Amino acid sequence: MLRAYKYRIFPDEVQKALLSVIFEQVRFVYNLALETKITAYTGQKKNIDCFDLMKQIKELKDTDCPWLSDSPAQALQMAIRNLDNAYTNFFKGRAKFPKFKSKHGRQSFQLPQRVHLNKNNSKQIHIPKLKYVYIDLHQELKGTIKTVTVIKTVTDKYFVSILTDNEKELPKKKPIKEASAIGIDLGIKDLCITSDELKFENKDFMKSKLKKLRVAQRSLSRKKKGSSHYNKQKMIVALLHEKIKNQRQDYLHKISKYLIDHYDTICLEDLSVKNMVKNHSLARAISDMGWSEFKNMLMYKAEWYGKNISIIGRFEPSSKACSCCGNINKELTLKDREWSCIKCNTKHDRDVNAAKNIKTFGLRNKPNVSQREALA
């Protein structure tokens, strides 16, 4: 079973300078390979595979770009392999067309081998070209290291994401029973509402920092671009966004882990977030929820613990249908938070009723959906 661990690393000044060179060269190779593939296809209708592009790296080192030898050869090769995977995903309809990488924002490179922890000092990790770097090993690293991704964030923090194989098989799926199943409705007023009438409130981390963000971004807009004051203020804005992101992820991890621990089958609704954010009145609130990230967390944690995920269609009448008799309330609007069924006189909380319907629809459909099937 594959597991990923993320740790913060603390390179010294010399290692930071070398990392900056590696990030730049990996980005250069990726962009050059992308340009080569685009030119070959538009001009000759020819597809250049990753192996041909990898051969060109050696030619570049020997002729025009000898400075590429400053980076680990495998990091350059993995950049081309990742580009080839991006092309494959695009033509299979799983992703957008790959873009050129920018020197601004998050930087990363990947290594498939030759990375290991220091046997004599558990606080150090060996990375090719960098040698030993200090690492905050806040949790035990279990399994054989498969690939390592070195990351630099926009706030100048460095991390390693280590993919390991613990050589264990995924656990068998739990039996599907109505008593151990739950339906989940994702909302804005409350982030997550369950069919057991449990509500997880919306912390609205963006809104709590919105005033500070406005002041910081207004101050940034008044400074000369490229100046030291501009760069300092830019870091302040980035740190605020990072704080919001970390708070959101921590909250979503806690909710998803609670649901996975307490239920064997989780029923979700297939929401089209891309279309929903076109509503400008709700776009910021929807984007701040992190629904897609929450769904992904439930997916991979269900795989880890042998739980079931069932996704219902996005056009199922989960909100308008009475969870008791099935009658459809066609006059229900978004403003109606409570309503009574005219057929059975049952009074409903809109979100709880939707969660109950999602559970019913989810158990009626194919209840066991793997992460790969649901994300395809």
Protein backbone atom coordinates (compact mmCIF):
# COMPACT_ATOMS: atom_id res chain seq x y z
CA MET A 1 0.00 0.00 0.00
CA LEU A 2 1.37 3.39 -0.98
CA ARG A 3 1.47 6.18 1.61
CA ALA A 4 2.81 9.72 1.34
CA TYR A 5 4.53 11.60 4.15
CA LYS A 6 5.31 15.30 4.12
CA TYR A 7 8.11 16.78 6.23
CA ARG A 8 9.66 20.20 6.49
CA ILE A 9 13.39 20.44 5.75
CA PHE A 10 15.87 23.15 6.75
CA PRO A 11 18.64 23.60 4.15
CA ASP A 12 21.53 25.93 4.92
CA GLU A 13 22.37 28.92 2.73
CA VAL A 14 24.62 26.94 0.38
CA GLN A 15 21.96 24.24 -0.05
CA LYS A 16 19.28 26.88 -0.65
CA ALA A 17 21.37 28.38 -3.45
CA LEU A 18 21.84 24.93 -5.00
CA LEU A 19 18.12 24.19 -4.66
CA SER A 20 17.35 27.43 -6.46
CA VAL A 21 19.58 26.30 -9.33
CA ILE A 22 17.92 22.88 -9.49
CA PHE A 23 14.40 24.36 -9.48
CA GLU A 24 15.39 26.72 -12.31
CA GLN A 25 16.99 23.99 -14.42
CA VAL A 26 14.13 21.53 -13.93
CA ARG A 27 11.69 24.28 -14.94
CA PHE A 28 13.85 25.07 -17.99
CA VAL A 29 13.89 21.43 -19.13
CA TYR A 30 10.13 21.04 -18.60
CA ASN A 31 9.30 24.19 -20.55
CA LEU A 32 11.76 23.34 -23.34
CA ALA A 33 10.29 19.84 -23.65
CA LEU A 34 6.76 21.26 -23.74
CA GLU A 35 7.72 23.75 -26.44
CA THR A 36 9.40 20.95 -28.43
CA LYS A 37 6.30 18.74 -28.27
CA ILE A 38 4.01 21.60 -29.29
CA THR A 39 6.25 22.63 -32.20
CA ALA A 40 6.61 19.05 -33.46
CA TYR A 41 2.87 18.44 -33.36
CA THR A 42 1.75 21.74 -34.90
CA GLY A 43 4.43 21.66 -37.62
CA GLN A 44 4.73 17.98 -38.53
CA LYS A 45 1.82 16.34 -36.69
CA LYS A 46 4.45 14.29 -34.91
CA ASN A 47 4.44 13.18 -31.28
CA ILE A 48 7.81 13.06 -29.52
CA ASP A 49 7.81 10.57 -26.66
CA CYS A 50 9.56 11.09 -23.34
CA PHE A 51 12.49 8.78 -24.19
CA ASP A 52 13.47 10.86 -27.22
CA LEU A 53 13.27 14.01 -25.09
CA MET A 54 15.45 12.42 -22.40
CA LYS A 55 18.11 11.67 -25.02
CA GLN A 56 18.10 15.35 -25.95
CA ILE A 57 19.01 16.28 -22.37
CA LYS A 58 22.37 14.54 -22.75
CA GLU A 59 22.95 16.34 -26.04
CA LEU A 60 22.18 19.68 -24.37
CA LYS A 61 24.66 18.95 -21.59
CA ASP A 62 27.38 18.16 -24.11
CA THR A 63 26.75 21.21 -26.31
CA ASP A 64 24.70 24.29 -25.45
CA CYS A 65 23.80 23.78 -21.79
CA PRO A 66 26.68 22.21 -19.82
CA TRP A 67 25.33 23.91 -16.68
CA LEU A 68 22.48 21.35 -16.59
CA SER A 69 25.00 19.01 -14.93
CA ASP A 70 24.51 21.01 -11.71
CA SER A 71 21.16 19.23 -11.23
CA PRO A 72 20.56 15.54 -10.53
CA ALA A 73 20.06 13.82 -13.88
CA GLN A 74 17.03 11.94 -12.53
CA ALA A 75 15.31 15.21 -11.56
CA LEU A 76 15.55 16.39 -15.18
CA GLN A 77 14.31 13.04 -16.48
CA MET A 78 11.37 13.04 -14.06
CA ALA A 79 10.36 16.52 -15.28
CA ILE A 80 10.02 15.11 -18.80
CA ARG A 81 8.22 12.00 -17.56
CA ASN A 82 5.75 14.19 -15.63
CA LEU A 83 5.18 16.24 -18.79
CA ASP A 84 4.48 13.06 -20.73
CA ASN A 85 1.97 11.98 -18.06
CA ALA A 86 0.31 15.40 -18.28
CA TYR A 87 -0.04 14.95 -22.06
CA THR A 88 -1.54 11.49 -21.56
CA ASN A 89 -4.05 12.80 -19.02
CA PHE A 90 -5.02 15.61 -21.39
CA PHE A 91 -5.72 13.34 -24.35
CA LYS A 92 -7.68 10.96 -22.12
CA GLY A 93 -9.85 13.84 -20.90
CA ARG A 94 -8.65 13.72 -17.31
CA ALA A 95 -6.90 17.10 -17.20
CA LYS A 96 -6.33 20.36 -19.03
CA PHE A 97 -3.52 20.93 -21.52
CA PRO A 98 -0.18 21.30 -19.67
CA LYS A 99 1.04 24.84 -19.10
CA PHE A 100 4.51 26.33 -19.04
CA LYS A 101 5.94 26.49 -15.53
CA SER A 102 6.52 29.90 -13.99
CA LYS A 103 9.46 30.99 -11.86
CA HIS A 104 6.94 32.61 -9.52
CA GLY A 105 5.00 30.56 -7.00
CA ARG A 106 5.54 27.00 -5.83
CA GLN A 107 8.65 25.23 -7.12
CA SER A 108 9.39 21.49 -7.05
CA PHE A 109 11.39 18.65 -8.50
CA GLN A 110 11.07 14.88 -8.16
CA LEU A 111 13.61 12.14 -7.49
CA PRO A 112 12.88 8.42 -7.95
CA GLN A 113 15.81 7.07 -5.90
CA ARG A 114 19.04 7.75 -3.99
CA VAL A 115 17.18 9.50 -1.16
CA HIS A 116 17.48 8.06 2.34
CA LEU A 117 17.53 9.02 5.99
CA ASN A 118 20.84 9.27 7.79
CA LYS A 119 21.28 6.04 9.78
CA ASN A 120 23.46 7.80 12.35
CA ASN A 121 21.26 10.88 12.67
CA SER A 122 17.49 10.59 12.21
CA LYS A 123 17.25 14.38 11.88
CA GLN A 124 18.99 14.34 8.49
CA ILE A 125 17.92 13.20 5.01
CA HIS A 126 20.26 12.61 2.08
CA ILE A 127 19.26 14.29 -1.20
CA PRO A 128 21.47 14.01 -4.31
CA LYS A 129 23.69 17.08 -4.91
CA LEU A 130 22.63 18.51 -1.51
CA LYS A 131 24.03 15.69 0.63
CA TYR A 132 22.52 15.77 4.13
CA VAL A 133 19.72 18.22 4.98
CA TYR A 134 18.06 18.67 8.36
CA ILE A 135 14.49 17.37 8.48
CA ASP A 136 11.66 17.66 10.99
CA LEU A 137 10.68 13.98 11.21
CA HIS A 138 7.49 14.60 13.20
CA GLN A 139 6.09 11.13 12.42
CA GLU A 140 7.73 7.78 11.74
CA LEU A 141 8.50 7.05 8.10
CA LYS A 142 7.19 3.56 7.36
CA GLY A 143 7.89 1.55 4.22
CA THR A 144 10.32 1.63 1.33
CA ILE A 145 10.92 5.03 -0.28
CA LYS A 146 9.64 5.08 -3.88
CA THR A 147 9.81 8.74 -4.93
CA VAL A 148 10.65 12.01 -3.21
CA THR A 149 9.42 15.46 -4.22
CA VAL A 150 11.33 18.49 -2.95
CA ILE A 151 9.10 21.55 -2.66
CA LYS A 152 9.64 25.25 -2.08
CA THR A 153 6.54 27.26 -1.18
CA VAL A 154 5.90 30.91 -2.00
CA THR A 155 6.69 31.69 1.65
CA ASP A 156 10.26 30.34 1.22
CA LYS A 157 9.65 27.16 3.20
CA TYR A 158 11.07 23.83 2.07
CA PHE A 159 9.37 20.45 2.28
CA VAL A 160 9.89 16.89 1.09
CA SER A 161 6.93 14.72 0.12
CA ILE A 162 8.00 11.07 0.40
CA LEU A 163 5.97 8.33 -1.26
CA THR A 164 6.53 4.94 0.41
CA ASP A 165 5.37 1.37 -0.10
CA ASN A 166 4.76 -0.51 3.16
CA GLU A 167 4.20 -3.76 1.21
CA LYS A 168 0.76 -4.23 2.76
CA GLU A 169 -2.39 -4.88 0.79
CA LEU A 170 -5.36 -2.55 1.01
CA PRO A 171 -7.87 -3.83 3.58
CA LYS A 172 -11.06 -5.48 2.41
CA LYS A 173 -14.14 -3.31 2.19
CA LYS A 174 -16.47 -3.34 5.19
CA PRO A 175 -19.91 -4.91 4.70
CA ILE A 176 -22.52 -2.41 3.53
CA LYS A 177 -25.28 -1.97 6.06
CA GLU A 178 -27.81 0.80 6.42
CA ALA A 179 -27.07 1.13 10.14
CA SER A 180 -23.39 1.91 9.51
CA ALA A 181 -23.99 4.14 6.47
CA ILE A 182 -24.34 7.91 6.38
CA GLY A 183 -25.33 10.54 3.84
CA ILE A 184 -23.47 13.84 3.64
CA ASP A 185 -24.75 17.12 2.25
CA LEU A 186 -22.15 19.83 1.67
CA GLY A 187 -23.32 23.37 2.27
CA ILE A 188 -22.29 26.96 2.86
CA LYS A 189 -24.01 27.84 6.12
CA ASP A 190 -22.69 24.58 7.55
CA LEU A 191 -19.78 22.88 5.82
CA CYS A 192 -21.05 19.33 6.27
CA ILE A 193 -24.50 18.06 7.30
CA THR A 194 -25.07 14.36 7.93
CA SER A 195 -28.18 12.19 7.74
CA ASP A 196 -27.78 11.64 11.51
CA GLU A 197 -28.51 15.39 11.90
CA LEU A 198 -24.92 16.14 12.86
CA LYS A 199 -23.70 19.49 11.56
CA PHE A 200 -20.10 20.64 11.17
CA GLU A 201 -20.08 24.42 11.15
CA ASN A 202 -18.44 26.53 8.50
CA LYS A 203 -15.38 28.11 10.13
CA ASP A 204 -15.04 30.53 7.18
CA PHE A 205 -11.28 30.97 7.57
CA MET A 206 -11.07 33.35 4.62
CA LYS A 207 -13.70 35.68 6.06
CA SER A 208 -11.93 35.85 9.43
CA LYS A 209 -8.73 37.02 7.69
CA LEU A 210 -10.42 39.14 5.03
CA LYS A 211 -9.83 42.46 6.78
CA LYS A 212 -6.11 41.75 7.24
CA LEU A 213 -5.87 40.58 3.64
CA ARG A 214 -7.47 43.76 2.32
CA VAL A 215 -5.07 45.96 4.30
CA ALA A 216 -2.04 43.88 3.29
CA GLN A 217 -2.97 43.72 -0.40
CA ARG A 218 -3.77 47.44 -0.51
CA SER A 219 -0.37 48.16 0.97
CA LEU A 220 1.24 45.82 -1.60
CA SER A 221 -0.46 47.62 -4.50
CA ARG A 222 1.07 50.95 -3.41
CA LYS A 223 4.65 49.73 -3.46
CA LYS A 224 7.00 49.72 -6.44
CA LYS A 225 7.08 46.29 -8.02
CA GLY A 226 10.42 44.57 -7.55
CA SER A 227 11.59 46.77 -4.68
CA SER A 228 12.66 45.35 -1.30
CA HIS A 229 9.55 46.83 0.35
CA TYR A 230 7.37 45.22 -2.32
CA ASN A 231 8.95 41.82 -1.78
CA LYS A 232 8.60 42.12 1.98
CA GLN A 233 4.92 43.04 1.73
CA LYS A 234 4.36 40.29 -0.84
CA MET A 235 5.65 37.79 1.72
CA ILE A 236 3.17 39.11 4.31
CA VAL A 237 0.27 38.53 1.89
CA ALA A 238 1.56 35.04 1.05
CA LEU A 239 1.84 34.13 4.74
CA LEU A 240 -1.78 35.16 5.31
CA HIS A 241 -2.96 32.96 2.44
CA GLU A 242 -0.80 30.10 3.73
CA LYS A 243 -2.36 30.45 7.19
CA ILE A 244 -5.87 30.25 5.69
CA LYS A 245 -4.93 27.20 3.65
CA ASN A 246 -3.38 25.38 6.61
CA GLN A 247 -6.39 26.09 8.83
CA ARG A 248 -8.80 24.83 6.17
CA GLN A 249 -6.80 21.64 5.55
CA ASP A 250 -6.51 20.89 9.26
CA TYR A 251 -10.27 21.29 9.73
CA LEU A 252 -11.11 19.13 6.71
CA HIS A 253 -8.70 16.42 7.88
CA LYS A 254 -10.37 16.29 11.29
CA ILE A 255 -13.90 16.03 9.86
CA SER A 256 -12.97 13.41 7.23
CA LYS A 257 -11.12 11.28 9.80
CA TYR A 258 -14.10 11.43 12.17
CA LEU A 259 -16.50 10.27 9.45
CA ILE A 260 -14.19 7.47 8.31
CA ASP A 261 -13.74 6.25 11.89
CA HIS A 262 -17.46 6.19 12.74
CA TYR A 263 -19.11 4.95 9.50
CA ASP A 264 -18.48 2.10 7.06
CA THR A 265 -20.32 3.58 4.07
CA ILE A 266 -20.36 7.27 3.16
CA CYS A 267 -22.72 8.61 0.49
CA LEU A 268 -21.83 11.86 -1.28
CA GLU A 269 -23.33 14.06 -3.95
CA ASP A 270 -21.45 14.70 -7.19
CA LEU A 271 -21.23 18.51 -7.20
CA SER A 272 -20.07 20.59 -10.16
CA VAL A 273 -18.04 23.18 -8.27
CA LYS A 274 -16.77 24.70 -11.53
CA ASN A 275 -20.31 25.64 -12.55
CA MET A 276 -21.40 26.65 -9.05
CA VAL A 277 -18.69 29.30 -8.67
CA LYS A 278 -20.12 31.10 -11.71
CA ASN A 279 -22.70 32.46 -9.28
CA HIS A 280 -20.81 35.60 -8.24
CA SER A 281 -22.85 35.98 -5.06
CA LEU A 282 -21.65 32.61 -3.75
CA ALA A 283 -18.33 32.16 -5.55
CA ARG A 284 -16.06 33.22 -2.68
CA ALA A 285 -17.99 31.24 -0.09
CA ILE A 286 -18.00 28.09 -2.26
CA SER A 287 -14.29 28.39 -3.05
CA ASP A 288 -13.48 28.78 0.64
CA MET A 289 -15.31 25.55 1.54
CA GLY A 290 -12.80 23.20 -0.05
CA TRP A 291 -15.46 20.67 -1.14
CA SER A 292 -13.27 18.97 -3.75
CA GLU A 293 -10.39 18.66 -1.30
CA PHE A 294 -12.75 17.25 1.34
CA LYS A 295 -14.07 14.69 -1.13
CA ASN A 296 -10.54 13.62 -2.07
CA MET A 297 -9.66 13.21 1.60
CA LEU A 298 -12.64 10.93 2.14
CA MET A 299 -11.68 8.95 -0.99
CA TYR A 300 -8.14 8.05 -0.07
CA LYS A 301 -8.89 7.53 3.63
CA ALA A 302 -11.71 5.15 2.69
CA GLU A 303 -9.15 3.18 0.65
CA TRP A 304 -6.77 3.06 3.61
CA TYR A 305 -9.35 1.82 6.13
CA GLY A 306 -11.52 -0.38 3.92
CA LYS A 307 -14.58 1.89 3.95
CA ASN A 308 -17.10 2.42 1.11
CA ILE A 309 -17.79 5.60 -0.83
CA SER A 310 -20.94 5.97 -2.94
CA ILE A 311 -21.39 8.96 -5.26
CA ILE A 312 -24.91 9.88 -6.39
CA GLY A 313 -25.72 11.83 -9.56
CA ARG A 314 -25.63 15.60 -9.41
CA PHE A 315 -29.19 15.85 -10.78
CA GLU A 316 -30.81 13.69 -8.10
CA PRO A 317 -33.55 15.71 -6.28
CA SER A 318 -31.86 15.44 -2.88
CA SER A 319 -33.14 18.79 -1.54
CA LYS A 320 -36.61 18.86 -3.09
CA ALA A 321 -37.64 15.27 -2.32
CA CYS A 322 -39.31 14.41 0.98
CA SER A 323 -37.12 11.85 2.75
CA CYS A 324 -40.23 10.25 4.30
CA CYS A 325 -42.69 9.81 1.41
CA GLY A 326 -40.63 10.82 -1.66
CA ASN A 327 -42.91 13.66 -2.73
CA ILE A 328 -41.15 16.35 -4.82
CA ASN A 329 -41.48 19.97 -3.69
CA LYS A 330 -41.06 21.82 -6.99
CA GLU A 331 -41.58 25.23 -5.36
CA LEU A 332 -38.57 24.95 -3.03
CA THR A 333 -36.06 27.81 -3.43
CA LEU A 334 -32.58 28.40 -2.08
CA LYS A 335 -33.97 30.76 0.58
CA ASP A 336 -36.19 28.07 2.11
CA ARG A 337 -34.17 26.54 4.93
CA GLU A 338 -37.16 24.65 6.36
CA TRP A 339 -40.24 23.29 4.62
CA SER A 340 -43.17 20.97 5.23
CA CYS A 341 -44.25 18.19 2.91
CA ILE A 342 -47.81 18.77 1.64
CA LYS A 343 -48.34 15.03 1.27
CA CYS A 344 -47.24 13.62 4.65
CA ASN A 345 -47.01 16.90 6.66
CA THR A 346 -43.45 16.16 7.77
CA LYS A 347 -41.44 19.25 8.65
CA HIS A 348 -37.92 19.17 7.21
CA ASP A 349 -34.64 20.92 7.81
CA ARG A 350 -33.53 21.47 4.22
CA ASP A 351 -29.94 20.26 4.67
CA VAL A 352 -30.71 17.30 6.93
CA ASN A 353 -33.44 16.18 4.53
CA ALA A 354 -30.96 16.38 1.63
CA ALA A 355 -28.42 14.30 3.57
CA LYS A 356 -31.06 11.62 4.27
CA ASN A 357 -31.98 11.49 0.58
CA ILE A 358 -28.32 11.26 -0.40
CA LYS A 359 -27.96 8.26 1.90
CA THR A 360 -31.04 6.62 0.35
CA PHE A 361 -29.90 7.26 -3.21
CA GLY A 362 -26.33 6.21 -2.41
CA LEU A 363 -27.34 2.83 -0.97
CA ARG A 364 -29.68 2.28 -3.90
CA ASN A 365 -26.87 2.86 -6.43
CA LYS A 366 -23.57 1.01 -6.67
CA PRO A 367 -22.32 1.57 -3.13
CA ASN A 368 -18.69 0.59 -3.47
CA VAL A 369 -16.80 3.17 -5.51
CA SER A 370 -13.02 3.16 -5.50
CA GLN A 371 -11.02 6.37 -5.45
CA ARG A 372 -9.80 5.88 -9.02
CA GLU A 373 -13.31 5.27 -10.37
CA ALA A 374 -14.82 8.26 -8.58
CA LEU A 375 -12.09 10.69 -9.67
CA ALA A 376 -12.09 9.54 -13.31
